[in-house]
N, C-alpha and C. Protein backbone atom coordinates (compact mmCIF):
# COMPACT_ATOMS: atom_id res chain seq x y z
N UNK A 1 89.62 79.46 106.50
CA UNK A 1 90.56 80.62 106.75
C UNK A 1 91.49 80.64 105.54
N UNK A 2 91.64 81.83 105.06
CA UNK A 2 92.50 82.12 103.84
C UNK A 2 93.82 82.83 104.33
N UNK A 3 94.97 82.45 103.69
CA UNK A 3 96.21 83.06 104.08
C UNK A 3 96.52 84.17 103.11
N UNK A 4 97.15 85.25 103.68
CA UNK A 4 97.54 86.46 102.87
C UNK A 4 98.91 86.79 103.18
N UNK A 5 99.67 87.26 102.21
CA UNK A 5 100.98 87.77 102.36
C UNK A 5 100.78 89.25 102.76
N UNK A 6 101.43 89.60 103.94
CA UNK A 6 101.35 90.90 104.50
C UNK A 6 102.65 91.50 104.63
N UNK A 7 102.89 92.77 104.19
CA UNK A 7 104.03 93.54 104.39
C UNK A 7 103.85 94.33 105.65
N UNK A 8 104.86 94.30 106.56
CA UNK A 8 104.85 95.10 107.71
C UNK A 8 106.12 96.06 107.67
N UNK A 9 105.93 97.36 107.64
CA UNK A 9 107.03 98.28 107.66
C UNK A 9 107.26 98.97 109.00
N UNK A 10 108.40 99.08 109.36
CA UNK A 10 108.73 99.81 110.63
C UNK A 10 109.07 101.14 110.27
N UNK A 11 108.43 102.22 110.88
CA UNK A 11 108.76 103.64 110.68
C UNK A 11 109.13 104.22 112.00
N UNK A 12 109.67 105.35 112.03
CA UNK A 12 110.06 106.15 113.29
C UNK A 12 108.84 106.19 114.25
N UNK A 13 107.77 106.36 113.77
CA UNK A 13 106.53 106.64 114.61
C UNK A 13 105.61 105.47 114.77
N UNK A 14 106.07 104.31 114.35
CA UNK A 14 105.19 103.02 114.47
C UNK A 14 105.33 102.07 113.28
N UNK A 15 104.35 101.20 113.16
CA UNK A 15 104.29 100.19 112.12
C UNK A 15 103.11 100.37 111.17
N UNK A 16 103.37 100.08 109.97
CA UNK A 16 102.33 100.07 108.91
C UNK A 16 102.26 98.66 108.22
N UNK A 17 101.09 98.17 108.00
CA UNK A 17 100.98 96.84 107.47
C UNK A 17 99.92 96.83 106.32
N UNK A 18 100.24 96.20 105.13
CA UNK A 18 99.26 96.08 104.13
C UNK A 18 99.46 94.68 103.48
N UNK A 19 98.30 94.07 102.95
CA UNK A 19 98.30 92.80 102.36
C UNK A 19 98.63 92.99 100.85
N UNK A 20 99.17 91.84 100.27
CA UNK A 20 99.35 91.82 98.82
C UNK A 20 98.27 91.00 98.28
N UNK A 21 97.89 91.30 97.02
CA UNK A 21 97.00 90.44 96.26
C UNK A 21 95.52 90.64 96.48
N UNK A 22 95.17 91.84 97.00
CA UNK A 22 93.74 92.24 97.17
C UNK A 22 93.42 93.40 96.25
N UNK A 23 92.23 93.49 95.74
CA UNK A 23 91.88 94.65 94.98
C UNK A 23 91.49 95.70 96.04
N UNK A 24 91.87 96.91 95.77
CA UNK A 24 91.65 98.05 96.63
C UNK A 24 92.77 98.36 97.62
N UNK A 25 92.56 99.29 98.48
CA UNK A 25 93.58 99.64 99.39
C UNK A 25 93.19 99.23 100.80
N UNK A 26 94.09 98.47 101.48
CA UNK A 26 93.86 97.96 102.79
C UNK A 26 95.06 98.28 103.58
N UNK A 27 95.02 99.00 104.70
CA UNK A 27 96.20 99.31 105.51
C UNK A 27 95.86 99.18 106.94
N UNK A 28 96.83 98.79 107.76
CA UNK A 28 96.67 98.76 109.11
C UNK A 28 97.94 99.45 109.76
N UNK A 29 97.82 99.85 110.99
CA UNK A 29 98.87 100.54 111.68
C UNK A 29 98.84 100.30 113.14
N UNK A 30 99.95 100.49 113.81
CA UNK A 30 100.08 100.34 115.30
C UNK A 30 101.37 100.75 115.70
N UNK A 31 101.45 100.78 117.10
CA UNK A 31 102.69 101.21 117.79
C UNK A 31 103.69 99.98 117.83
N UNK A 32 103.19 98.77 117.67
CA UNK A 32 104.07 97.66 117.59
C UNK A 32 103.80 96.76 116.38
N UNK A 33 104.63 95.82 116.11
CA UNK A 33 104.49 94.94 114.99
C UNK A 33 103.08 94.15 115.15
N UNK A 34 102.88 93.61 116.33
CA UNK A 34 101.70 92.84 116.60
C UNK A 34 100.43 93.67 116.49
N UNK A 35 100.49 94.98 116.93
CA UNK A 35 99.25 95.86 116.78
C UNK A 35 98.99 96.08 115.26
N UNK A 36 100.02 96.35 114.50
CA UNK A 36 99.79 96.63 113.10
C UNK A 36 99.27 95.42 112.39
N UNK A 37 99.74 94.25 112.76
CA UNK A 37 99.30 92.96 112.18
C UNK A 37 97.80 92.72 112.50
N UNK A 38 97.46 92.89 113.76
CA UNK A 38 96.03 92.75 114.17
C UNK A 38 95.18 93.75 113.49
N UNK A 39 95.69 95.00 113.30
CA UNK A 39 94.80 96.08 112.73
C UNK A 39 94.59 95.72 111.24
N UNK A 40 95.62 95.27 110.54
CA UNK A 40 95.41 95.01 109.13
C UNK A 40 94.49 93.72 108.88
N UNK A 41 94.63 92.78 109.83
CA UNK A 41 93.76 91.61 109.72
C UNK A 41 92.25 91.97 109.79
N UNK A 42 92.04 92.97 110.85
CA UNK A 42 90.74 93.53 110.95
C UNK A 42 90.26 94.31 109.73
N UNK A 43 91.21 95.07 109.13
CA UNK A 43 90.86 95.81 107.94
C UNK A 43 90.63 94.95 106.74
N UNK A 44 91.32 93.81 106.63
CA UNK A 44 91.03 92.81 105.51
C UNK A 44 89.72 92.27 105.74
N UNK A 45 89.31 91.85 106.94
CA UNK A 45 87.93 91.40 107.08
C UNK A 45 86.88 92.40 106.74
N UNK A 46 87.03 93.64 107.15
CA UNK A 46 86.08 94.65 106.82
C UNK A 46 85.97 94.95 105.36
N UNK A 47 87.16 94.92 104.65
CA UNK A 47 87.20 95.19 103.17
C UNK A 47 86.43 94.06 102.50
N UNK A 48 86.59 92.81 102.89
CA UNK A 48 85.87 91.76 102.22
C UNK A 48 84.37 91.86 102.49
N UNK A 49 84.05 92.04 103.80
CA UNK A 49 82.59 92.31 104.07
C UNK A 49 81.99 93.52 103.40
N UNK A 50 82.77 94.54 103.16
CA UNK A 50 82.18 95.76 102.53
C UNK A 50 82.08 95.57 100.96
N UNK A 51 83.05 94.97 100.44
CA UNK A 51 83.14 94.96 98.93
C UNK A 51 82.92 93.60 98.30
N UNK A 52 82.75 92.47 99.11
CA UNK A 52 82.46 91.18 98.68
C UNK A 52 83.75 90.36 98.26
N UNK A 53 83.48 89.19 98.01
CA UNK A 53 84.58 88.19 97.64
C UNK A 53 85.27 88.56 96.42
N UNK A 54 84.69 89.44 95.53
CA UNK A 54 85.43 89.72 94.23
C UNK A 54 86.76 90.49 94.51
N UNK A 55 86.95 91.07 95.72
CA UNK A 55 88.24 91.73 95.96
C UNK A 55 89.34 90.70 96.10
N UNK A 56 89.01 89.39 96.21
CA UNK A 56 89.97 88.32 96.33
C UNK A 56 90.42 87.77 94.94
N UNK A 57 89.68 88.20 93.82
CA UNK A 57 89.86 87.67 92.54
C UNK A 57 90.95 88.43 91.80
N UNK A 58 92.16 88.31 92.31
CA UNK A 58 93.31 89.07 91.65
C UNK A 58 94.11 87.95 90.88
N UNK A 59 94.28 88.16 89.56
CA UNK A 59 95.05 87.33 88.84
C UNK A 59 96.21 88.06 88.21
N UNK A 60 97.39 87.52 88.06
CA UNK A 60 97.81 86.15 88.75
C UNK A 60 97.97 86.42 90.18
N UNK A 61 97.83 85.36 90.97
CA UNK A 61 98.01 85.45 92.41
C UNK A 61 99.50 85.68 92.81
N UNK A 62 99.68 86.39 93.90
CA UNK A 62 101.04 86.58 94.48
C UNK A 62 101.59 85.29 94.99
N UNK A 63 102.61 84.67 94.39
CA UNK A 63 103.19 83.43 94.92
C UNK A 63 104.20 83.62 95.97
N UNK A 64 105.09 84.66 95.78
CA UNK A 64 106.09 85.03 96.78
C UNK A 64 106.25 86.53 96.80
N UNK A 65 106.88 86.99 97.88
CA UNK A 65 107.14 88.35 98.04
C UNK A 65 108.63 88.45 98.46
N UNK A 66 109.36 89.45 97.90
CA UNK A 66 110.75 89.65 98.32
C UNK A 66 111.02 91.13 98.64
N UNK A 67 111.95 91.30 99.46
CA UNK A 67 112.37 92.73 99.70
C UNK A 67 113.77 92.83 99.22
N UNK A 68 113.92 93.86 98.30
CA UNK A 68 115.25 94.07 97.70
C UNK A 68 115.70 95.50 97.93
N UNK A 69 116.94 95.80 97.92
CA UNK A 69 117.43 97.07 98.00
C UNK A 69 118.44 97.35 96.92
N UNK A 70 118.35 98.48 96.15
CA UNK A 70 119.16 98.73 95.02
C UNK A 70 119.43 100.26 94.97
N UNK A 71 120.66 100.61 94.72
CA UNK A 71 121.04 101.99 94.46
C UNK A 71 120.72 102.31 93.08
N UNK A 72 120.13 103.50 92.87
CA UNK A 72 119.82 103.98 91.45
C UNK A 72 120.46 105.30 91.34
């Protein structure tokens, strides 16, 4: 089992989740945090099955993820 860093965003109409460090676009959604996380995990599995292990070959790997807010 491989670990992925996943961003989960809360929006007025539900949650959106997406992994960091994969080639291509992978998104999950749900009415709750847990549903969005389960959906994106399923989407990650499908993405790897569809496009192969090369979607995992992202260099350099994501070591940490931060959320910052800045006025511009």
